[in-house]
Amino acid sequence: MLLSSYERLIASRYLLPGKGERFIVLVAGFSLGAVMLGVAALVIVMSVMNGFRAELFDKIVGLNGHAVIQGYGGRPLNDWRQLLARAKATPGVTSAVPMIEQPLMMTNNGRAEAIILRGLTVPDIRGNSTIAGHVVAGDLNSVTAGSNRIAIGSRLAETLGADIGSQVTIWNPAGQSTPFGTVPRMVSYTVGAIFEIGVYDYDKAYVVMPMEDAQTLLLLDPDTVGMIEVNTRDADQVGPILAPLRASLGQTAAVSDWRQMNAQLFEALGIEQVSMFVILCIIILVAAFNIASSLIMLVRAKTRDIAILRTMGAPRAAMVRIFITVGTTIGILGTIAGLILGFVLLYFRQPIVDLVQKISGQNLWDPSIRFLTELPSKPNPVEIAMVVAITLLLTFLATLYPASRAASTDPVQVLRYE
């Protein structure tokens, strides 16, 4: 929509009405502020929710893999080497790791906590970036087969009062059978490393030890593992990639991917994200109505000017263009201000959360409730472009009625009484 020089001049004057029209300026300012706040809220909320999903995905999938191969009914895998070779030979599979995972109990100094024991080969322990890249104390290299050393989560260490070098006891209820019943198996280990993944539930429960030590603790055969963890080149395509492997396994074992294991969590996040987007769009819709109301008042205030312009030969289309330009300019300025405000608040999000927590005395980001230890953020350019497009569209639509009212002004009727 190209404007002539006089149309641009009039539109610029109408953006800042005169002294007698300060109320119109106030309403237009509120409209701009509402657009700014609406855009900022959408950018912040969508970025935080994307960051929350991405952090959860990276840490949950990073620890559990894209899929696991398990025996039916939770039975251990006895022929795991053949299954491992078959998994590694599947096109699209980047790694396959044998492991043992078992819920047990750990005690230290009279304190007891439920744990999830994970047994891995020593190279896999050191090569797991989710664990090796998040060691906060101790040395993961000290956790070797036969060393009786283990790595535990930071929250678990906190709860049990354990530190590097502490002696902890792991209880296996499925111990040896005696004439008097089953005697739980208790084995003492030394804490060799403490890791912090960043997901509260994992940091509070996971214990990592070498595969051989886990087999000894659980009284398993040396050739037996609990599952095989599989990673693929694309987590979103894990179903099609593993379809041939799933078909070849038949009734031998079952393949479960990350979508099946965490379906409820990620579906809930997706639904919440869409709901928040729709709800926050209402703020922008309200801002669009404010723009429409301010333009209607501007048209009423400038009726005489419009009549004079029409008498001087200005076409109806020129009036439409002028008032559409005024309204969309408010929307564009509000959108730009909202984007700047949103990105500034995202950049300082954690200090802001810490400040509010300090002032209120409340823990607003309790990791035991929200899984993660910090407020994440991951702006999505596509979603931000969608926010900008929706804002500008609603702003444009809000200008159509006032602009048509201005264009339909009859100069004869107006000037007759002037």
Protein backbone atom coordinates (compact mmCIF):
# COMPACT_ATOMS: atom_id res chain seq x y z
CA MET A 1 0.00 0.00 0.00
CA LEU A 2 1.86 3.05 -1.35
CA LEU A 3 1.08 6.45 0.13
CA SER A 4 1.52 9.80 -1.55
CA SER A 5 3.56 12.52 0.17
CA TYR A 6 0.51 14.35 1.53
CA GLU A 7 -1.00 11.08 2.82
CA ARG A 8 2.21 10.32 4.71
CA LEU A 9 2.24 13.85 6.14
CA ILE A 10 -1.37 13.62 7.35
CA ALA A 11 -0.87 10.13 8.79
CA SER A 12 2.19 11.33 10.74
CA ARG A 13 0.19 14.28 12.13
CA TYR A 14 -2.69 12.01 13.12
CA LEU A 15 -0.33 9.73 15.03
CA LEU A 16 0.24 12.62 17.47
CA PRO A 17 -3.04 14.59 17.71
CA GLY A 18 -3.17 18.12 19.07
CA LYS A 19 -3.47 19.43 22.62
CA GLY A 20 -7.22 19.19 22.67
CA GLU A 21 -7.09 15.53 21.76
CA ARG A 22 -4.84 14.16 24.53
CA PHE A 23 -7.42 11.54 25.43
CA ILE A 24 -7.01 10.04 21.94
CA VAL A 25 -3.24 9.99 22.46
CA LEU A 26 -3.76 8.27 25.82
CA VAL A 27 -6.00 5.58 24.28
CA ALA A 28 -3.53 5.06 21.41
CA GLY A 29 -0.71 4.76 23.98
CA PHE A 30 -2.67 2.14 25.88
CA SER A 31 -3.23 0.30 22.58
CA LEU A 32 0.48 0.34 21.80
CA GLY A 33 1.28 -0.81 25.33
CA ALA A 34 -1.25 -3.64 25.10
CA VAL A 35 0.27 -4.84 21.81
CA MET A 36 3.74 -4.63 23.35
CA LEU A 37 2.76 -6.62 26.44
CA GLY A 38 0.82 -9.18 24.39
CA VAL A 39 3.74 -9.83 22.02
CA ALA A 40 6.26 -9.91 24.90
CA ALA A 41 4.09 -12.35 26.87
CA LEU A 42 3.73 -14.65 23.86
CA VAL A 43 7.46 -14.58 23.08
CA ILE A 44 8.41 -15.25 26.71
CA VAL A 45 5.87 -18.00 27.36
CA MET A 46 6.44 -19.83 24.07
CA SER A 47 10.24 -19.60 24.43
CA VAL A 48 10.17 -20.85 28.03
CA MET A 49 7.86 -23.74 27.14
CA ASN A 50 10.04 -24.66 24.16
CA GLY A 51 13.07 -24.51 26.42
CA PHE A 52 11.32 -26.64 29.02
CA ARG A 53 10.44 -29.28 26.44
CA ALA A 54 13.91 -29.20 24.86
CA GLU A 55 15.68 -29.49 28.24
CA LEU A 56 13.44 -32.34 29.32
CA PHE A 57 13.91 -34.08 25.99
CA ASP A 58 17.70 -33.70 25.98
CA LYS A 59 18.10 -34.93 29.55
CA ILE A 60 15.44 -37.63 29.62
CA VAL A 61 16.33 -39.02 26.20
CA GLY A 62 20.04 -38.40 26.83
CA LEU A 63 19.89 -40.65 29.89
CA ASN A 64 17.39 -43.23 28.63
CA GLY A 65 18.19 -43.29 24.91
CA HIS A 66 15.79 -43.00 22.00
CA ALA A 67 14.53 -46.55 22.57
CA VAL A 68 15.17 -49.66 24.65
CA ILE A 69 15.04 -53.37 23.83
CA GLN A 70 13.63 -55.38 26.74
CA GLY A 71 12.52 -58.91 27.41
CA TYR A 72 8.77 -59.49 27.63
CA GLY A 73 7.41 -59.17 31.15
CA GLY A 74 10.57 -57.45 32.34
CA ARG A 75 12.59 -60.64 31.96
CA PRO A 76 16.36 -60.22 31.53
CA LEU A 77 17.99 -60.66 28.12
CA ASN A 78 20.12 -63.80 27.98
CA ASP A 79 21.03 -63.62 24.27
CA TRP A 80 21.77 -59.90 24.43
CA ARG A 81 24.98 -60.03 22.37
CA GLN A 82 23.07 -61.24 19.31
CA LEU A 83 20.39 -58.58 19.87
CA LEU A 84 23.09 -55.94 20.35
CA ALA A 85 24.74 -56.85 17.05
CA ARG A 86 21.39 -56.81 15.27
CA ALA A 87 20.54 -53.40 16.70
CA LYS A 88 23.90 -51.91 15.70
CA ALA A 89 23.46 -53.28 12.17
CA THR A 90 20.10 -51.53 11.75
CA PRO A 91 20.38 -48.52 9.35
CA GLY A 92 19.92 -45.24 11.23
CA VAL A 93 21.05 -46.61 14.61
CA THR A 94 24.05 -44.66 15.95
CA SER A 95 24.67 -46.63 19.14
CA ALA A 96 23.39 -49.57 21.18
CA VAL A 97 24.41 -50.07 24.79
CA PRO A 98 23.69 -53.03 27.11
CA MET A 99 22.64 -52.12 30.63
CA ILE A 100 20.98 -53.25 33.83
CA GLU A 101 18.35 -51.10 35.54
CA GLN A 102 16.75 -52.07 38.82
CA PRO A 103 14.90 -50.20 41.62
CA LEU A 104 16.60 -50.86 44.98
CA MET A 105 17.20 -49.20 48.36
CA MET A 106 20.28 -47.29 49.57
CA THR A 107 21.16 -46.36 53.17
CA ASN A 108 23.75 -44.12 54.78
CA ASN A 109 24.05 -43.01 58.41
CA GLY A 110 20.58 -44.24 59.26
CA ARG A 111 18.95 -42.57 56.23
CA ALA A 112 17.26 -44.62 53.52
CA GLU A 113 16.21 -43.69 49.99
CA ALA A 114 14.72 -45.56 47.05
CA ILE A 115 17.13 -45.61 44.12
CA ILE A 116 17.31 -46.74 40.51
CA LEU A 117 20.48 -48.74 39.98
CA ARG A 118 21.95 -48.53 36.50
CA GLY A 119 24.73 -50.90 35.49
CA LEU A 120 26.82 -50.00 32.41
CA THR A 121 30.10 -51.14 30.98
CA VAL A 122 32.97 -48.88 32.06
CA PRO A 123 33.51 -47.42 28.52
CA ASP A 124 29.78 -46.65 28.30
CA ILE A 125 29.84 -44.90 31.69
CA ARG A 126 32.69 -42.65 30.60
CA GLY A 127 31.23 -42.15 27.13
CA ASN A 128 27.76 -41.13 28.36
CA SER A 129 27.78 -37.33 27.99
CA THR A 130 24.67 -36.97 30.15
CA ILE A 131 26.59 -38.41 33.12
CA ALA A 132 30.27 -37.77 32.30
CA GLY A 133 29.56 -34.19 31.26
CA HIS A 134 27.77 -33.34 34.52
CA VAL A 135 30.09 -34.63 37.24
CA VAL A 136 30.17 -32.03 40.04
CA ALA A 137 32.44 -33.87 42.49
CA GLY A 138 34.84 -36.79 42.46
CA ASP A 139 36.29 -38.62 39.47
CA LEU A 140 34.22 -40.82 37.19
CA ASN A 141 37.40 -42.62 36.12
CA SER A 142 37.60 -44.10 39.63
CA VAL A 143 34.37 -46.02 39.00
CA THR A 144 35.79 -49.24 37.58
CA ALA A 145 34.81 -52.91 37.71
CA GLY A 146 35.78 -54.47 41.03
CA SER A 147 36.67 -51.12 42.64
CA ASN A 148 33.43 -51.09 44.65
CA ARG A 149 32.99 -47.44 43.64
CA ILE A 150 29.78 -45.92 42.32
CA ALA A 151 28.48 -42.59 40.98
CA ILE A 152 25.33 -41.09 42.48
CA GLY A 153 23.05 -38.11 41.77
CA SER A 154 23.62 -34.83 43.61
CA ARG A 155 20.14 -34.74 45.20
CA LEU A 156 20.51 -38.31 46.40
CA ALA A 157 23.88 -37.43 47.95
CA GLU A 158 22.26 -34.43 49.60
CA THR A 159 19.37 -36.47 51.00
CA LEU A 160 21.59 -39.24 52.35
CA GLY A 161 24.28 -36.87 53.59
CA ALA A 162 26.85 -38.66 51.43
CA ASP A 163 30.00 -37.17 49.93
CA ILE A 164 33.01 -38.37 47.96
CA GLY A 165 34.52 -41.28 49.87
CA SER A 166 31.36 -42.00 51.89
CA GLN A 167 30.45 -45.64 52.47
CA VAL A 168 26.85 -46.35 51.41
CA THR A 169 24.92 -49.60 51.48
CA ILE A 170 22.68 -50.88 48.68
CA TRP A 171 19.96 -53.37 49.61
CA ASN A 172 18.78 -56.03 47.19
CA PRO A 173 15.57 -57.58 48.59
CA ALA A 174 15.87 -60.55 46.20
CA GLY A 175 18.78 -62.03 48.10
CA GLN A 176 19.76 -65.60 48.82
CA SER A 177 17.20 -68.14 49.93
CA THR A 178 17.68 -69.81 53.32
CA PRO A 179 15.58 -72.27 55.35
CA PHE A 180 14.19 -69.23 57.16
CA GLY A 181 13.26 -67.33 53.99
CA THR A 182 14.95 -64.89 51.64
CA VAL A 183 17.71 -62.83 53.21
CA PRO A 184 18.16 -59.36 51.60
CA ARG A 185 21.59 -58.84 50.09
CA MET A 186 23.46 -55.81 51.46
CA VAL A 187 26.64 -54.57 49.79
CA SER A 188 28.70 -51.52 50.78
CA TYR A 189 30.11 -49.18 48.13
CA THR A 190 32.27 -46.07 48.13
CA VAL A 191 30.97 -42.91 46.47
CA GLY A 192 33.52 -42.18 43.76
CA ALA A 193 31.66 -39.46 41.80
CA ILE A 194 28.59 -37.23 42.14
CA PHE A 195 26.75 -36.01 39.03
CA GLU A 196 23.99 -33.46 38.48
CA ILE A 197 21.97 -34.02 35.31
CA GLY A 198 19.56 -31.17 36.04
CA VAL A 199 16.36 -33.25 36.21
CA TYR A 200 15.39 -33.47 39.86
CA ASP A 201 13.88 -36.96 39.74
CA TYR A 202 17.02 -38.38 38.12
CA ASP A 203 19.47 -36.57 40.41
CA LYS A 204 17.53 -37.87 43.41
CA ALA A 205 17.33 -41.52 42.36
CA TYR A 206 19.99 -42.64 39.89
CA VAL A 207 23.06 -44.64 40.92
CA VAL A 208 25.55 -45.75 38.27
CA MET A 209 27.98 -48.64 38.67
CA PRO A 210 29.97 -50.97 36.37
CA MET A 211 28.01 -53.78 34.74
CA GLU A 212 29.99 -56.54 36.46
CA ASP A 213 29.35 -55.09 39.92
CA ALA A 214 25.62 -54.72 39.15
CA GLN A 215 25.42 -58.36 38.04
CA THR A 216 27.13 -59.45 41.26
CA LEU A 217 24.81 -57.33 43.42
CA LEU A 218 21.68 -58.59 41.68
CA LEU A 219 22.91 -62.21 41.55
CA LEU A 220 22.65 -62.27 37.75
CA ASP A 221 24.52 -64.47 35.35
CA PRO A 222 27.53 -62.66 33.79
CA ASP A 223 25.95 -63.13 30.35
CA THR A 224 22.66 -61.51 31.40
CA VAL A 225 21.61 -57.85 31.03
CA GLY A 226 18.33 -56.08 31.67
CA MET A 227 17.94 -54.11 28.43
CA ILE A 228 19.70 -52.57 25.46
CA GLU A 229 19.57 -48.80 25.05
CA VAL A 230 19.41 -47.64 21.41
CA ASN A 231 20.11 -44.19 19.93
CA THR A 232 19.24 -43.16 16.37
CA ARG A 233 20.30 -40.40 14.04
CA ASP A 234 16.92 -38.63 14.43
CA ALA A 235 14.82 -38.97 17.59
CA ASP A 236 11.69 -37.78 15.77
CA GLN A 237 12.05 -40.61 13.22
CA VAL A 238 12.79 -43.33 15.78
CA GLY A 239 9.63 -45.27 14.83
CA PRO A 240 10.41 -45.71 11.12
CA ILE A 241 14.13 -46.27 11.80
CA LEU A 242 13.50 -49.09 14.29
CA ALA A 243 10.56 -50.64 12.41
CA PRO A 244 12.78 -53.27 10.68
CA LEU A 245 14.43 -54.17 14.00
CA ARG A 246 11.06 -54.42 15.75
CA ALA A 247 9.79 -56.72 13.02
CA SER A 248 12.91 -58.92 13.09
CA LEU A 249 12.75 -59.40 16.86
CA GLY A 250 9.26 -60.84 16.71
CA GLN A 251 8.39 -62.40 20.08
CA THR A 252 12.02 -62.46 21.23
CA ALA A 253 12.00 -58.99 22.78
CA ALA A 254 10.03 -55.73 22.77
CA VAL A 255 11.18 -52.32 21.51
CA SER A 256 9.86 -49.21 23.30
CA ASP A 257 10.83 -45.74 22.07
CA TRP A 258 10.94 -42.44 23.98
CA ARG A 259 7.47 -41.40 22.76
CA GLN A 260 5.89 -44.47 24.35
CA MET A 261 7.90 -44.20 27.57
CA ASN A 262 7.20 -40.47 28.07
CA ALA A 263 3.99 -40.07 26.06
CA GLN A 264 1.88 -38.45 28.80
CA LEU A 265 4.54 -35.91 29.75
CA PHE A 266 5.26 -34.62 26.23
CA GLU A 267 1.58 -34.68 25.18
CA ALA A 268 0.69 -32.61 28.26
CA LEU A 269 3.43 -30.11 27.39
CA GLY A 270 2.15 -29.85 23.80
CA ILE A 271 -1.45 -29.28 24.90
CA GLU A 272 -0.36 -26.69 27.47
CA GLN A 273 1.71 -24.85 24.87
CA VAL A 274 -1.20 -24.59 22.41
CA SER A 275 -3.58 -23.51 25.20
CA MET A 276 -1.23 -20.77 26.41
CA PHE A 277 -0.74 -19.52 22.85
CA VAL A 278 -4.50 -19.19 22.30
CA ILE A 279 -5.07 -17.55 25.70
CA LEU A 280 -2.28 -15.01 25.25
CA CYS A 281 -3.51 -14.17 21.74
CA ILE A 282 -6.59 -12.75 23.47
CA ILE A 283 -4.35 -10.00 24.89
CA ILE A 284 -3.39 -9.02 21.35
CA LEU A 285 -7.07 -9.18 20.32
CA VAL A 286 -7.94 -6.76 23.13
CA ALA A 287 -5.13 -4.49 21.95
CA ALA A 288 -6.58 -4.60 18.43
CA PHE A 289 -9.97 -3.51 19.78
CA ASN A 290 -8.21 -0.65 21.59
CA ILE A 291 -6.62 0.43 18.32
CA ALA A 292 -10.02 0.31 16.63
CA SER A 293 -11.61 2.43 19.38
CA SER A 294 -8.79 5.02 19.30
CA LEU A 295 -9.12 5.28 15.51
CA ILE A 296 -12.90 5.70 15.74
CA MET A 297 -12.38 8.58 18.20
CA LEU A 298 -9.73 10.04 15.90
CA VAL A 299 -12.12 9.90 12.94
CA ARG A 300 -14.79 11.70 15.01
CA ALA A 301 -12.28 14.34 16.10
CA LYS A 302 -10.98 14.87 12.55
CA THR A 303 -14.33 14.88 10.74
CA ARG A 304 -13.89 18.53 9.68
CA ASP A 305 -10.36 17.89 8.40
CA ILE A 306 -11.56 14.87 6.46
CA ALA A 307 -14.39 16.92 4.90
CA ILE A 308 -11.96 19.64 3.83
CA LEU A 309 -9.58 17.09 2.32
CA ARG A 310 -12.45 15.46 0.44
CA THR A 311 -13.56 18.88 -0.84
CA MET A 312 -10.03 19.59 -2.04
CA GLY A 313 -10.15 16.43 -4.14
CA ALA A 314 -8.74 13.73 -1.89
CA PRO A 315 -10.33 10.40 -2.93
CA ARG A 316 -12.02 7.99 -0.52
CA ALA A 317 -9.17 5.54 -1.00
CA ALA A 318 -6.74 8.16 0.35
CA MET A 319 -8.76 8.37 3.61
CA VAL A 320 -8.72 4.60 3.91
CA ARG A 321 -4.95 4.48 3.40
CA ILE A 322 -4.30 7.26 5.92
CA PHE A 323 -6.23 5.66 8.78
CA ILE A 324 -5.01 2.14 8.00
CA THR A 325 -1.45 3.54 8.12
CA VAL A 326 -2.11 5.18 11.51
CA GLY A 327 -3.50 1.96 13.02
CA THR A 328 -0.90 -0.40 11.55
CA THR A 329 1.91 1.94 12.62
CA ILE A 330 0.71 1.63 16.22
CA GLY A 331 0.63 -2.15 15.77
CA ILE A 332 4.11 -2.29 14.21
CA LEU A 333 5.65 -0.08 16.92
CA GLY A 334 3.95 -2.16 19.62
CA THR A 335 5.18 -5.39 18.01
CA ILE A 336 8.78 -4.16 17.79
CA ALA A 337 8.67 -2.92 21.39
CA GLY A 338 7.15 -6.24 22.49
CA LEU A 339 9.88 -8.26 20.76
CA ILE A 340 12.60 -6.14 22.38
CA LEU A 341 10.95 -6.39 25.81
CA GLY A 342 10.42 -10.13 25.42
CA PHE A 343 14.04 -10.86 24.48
CA VAL A 344 15.39 -8.60 27.25
CA LEU A 345 13.28 -10.39 29.87
CA LEU A 346 14.31 -13.78 28.46
CA TYR A 347 17.98 -12.81 28.68
CA PHE A 348 17.62 -11.80 32.34
CA ARG A 349 15.03 -14.48 33.19
CA GLN A 350 17.01 -16.29 35.88
CA PRO A 351 18.14 -13.14 37.75
CA ILE A 352 14.52 -11.94 37.64
CA VAL A 353 13.29 -15.26 39.09
CA ASP A 354 15.99 -15.10 41.78
CA LEU A 355 15.07 -11.50 42.63
CA VAL A 356 11.35 -12.28 42.90
CA GLN A 357 12.15 -15.30 45.08
CA LYS A 358 14.32 -13.13 47.32
CA ILE A 359 11.67 -10.44 47.67
CA SER A 360 8.74 -12.82 48.17
CA GLY A 361 10.63 -15.38 50.22
CA GLN A 362 9.02 -18.13 48.14
CA ASN A 363 10.72 -20.78 46.03
CA LEU A 364 9.10 -20.11 42.64
CA TRP A 365 11.20 -22.68 40.80
CA ASP A 366 11.15 -25.73 43.04
CA PRO A 367 13.00 -28.46 41.07
CA SER A 368 11.12 -31.19 42.92
CA ILE A 369 7.92 -29.94 41.23
CA ARG A 370 9.21 -28.61 37.90
CA PHE A 371 11.84 -31.31 37.22
CA LEU A 372 14.51 -28.82 36.07
CA THR A 373 16.80 -26.77 38.31
CA GLU A 374 16.73 -23.56 36.22
CA LEU A 375 14.21 -21.70 34.07
CA PRO A 376 15.00 -22.74 30.47
CA SER A 377 14.43 -20.79 27.25
CA LYS A 378 14.58 -21.66 23.57
CA PRO A 379 13.08 -19.08 21.17
CA ASN A 380 11.64 -20.61 18.01
CA PRO A 381 11.98 -18.28 14.97
CA VAL A 382 8.94 -19.87 13.29
CA GLU A 383 6.72 -19.30 16.32
CA ILE A 384 8.00 -15.74 16.76
CA ALA A 385 7.26 -15.04 13.09
CA MET A 386 3.76 -16.46 13.66
CA VAL A 387 3.26 -14.14 16.66
CA VAL A 388 4.34 -11.13 14.59
CA ALA A 389 2.09 -12.16 11.67
CA ILE A 390 -0.97 -12.67 13.91
CA THR A 391 -0.38 -9.34 15.66
CA LEU A 392 -0.04 -7.39 12.42
CA LEU A 393 -3.06 -9.17 10.91
CA LEU A 394 -5.30 -8.37 13.91
CA THR A 395 -4.02 -4.79 13.92
CA PHE A 396 -4.76 -4.42 10.21
CA LEU A 397 -8.27 -5.86 10.57
CA ALA A 398 -8.94 -3.47 13.47
CA THR A 399 -8.26 -0.48 11.20
CA LEU A 400 -10.70 -1.43 8.44
CA TYR A 401 -13.91 -0.23 10.09
CA PRO A 402 -12.59 3.19 11.27
CA ALA A 403 -10.94 3.70 7.87
CA SER A 404 -14.17 2.90 6.04
CA ARG A 405 -16.04 5.33 8.34
CA ALA A 406 -13.54 8.05 7.47
CA ALA A 407 -13.87 7.32 3.75
CA SER A 408 -17.67 7.46 3.92
CA THR A 409 -17.70 10.94 5.48
CA ASP A 410 -19.94 13.27 3.44
CA PRO A 411 -18.12 16.65 3.16
CA VAL A 412 -21.35 18.48 2.24
CA GLN A 413 -23.15 17.40 5.40
CA VAL A 414 -20.16 18.20 7.60
CA LEU A 415 -19.30 21.64 6.16
CA ARG A 416 -22.95 22.74 5.99
CA TYR A 417 -22.93 23.34 9.74
CA GLU A 418 -19.36 24.67 10.05
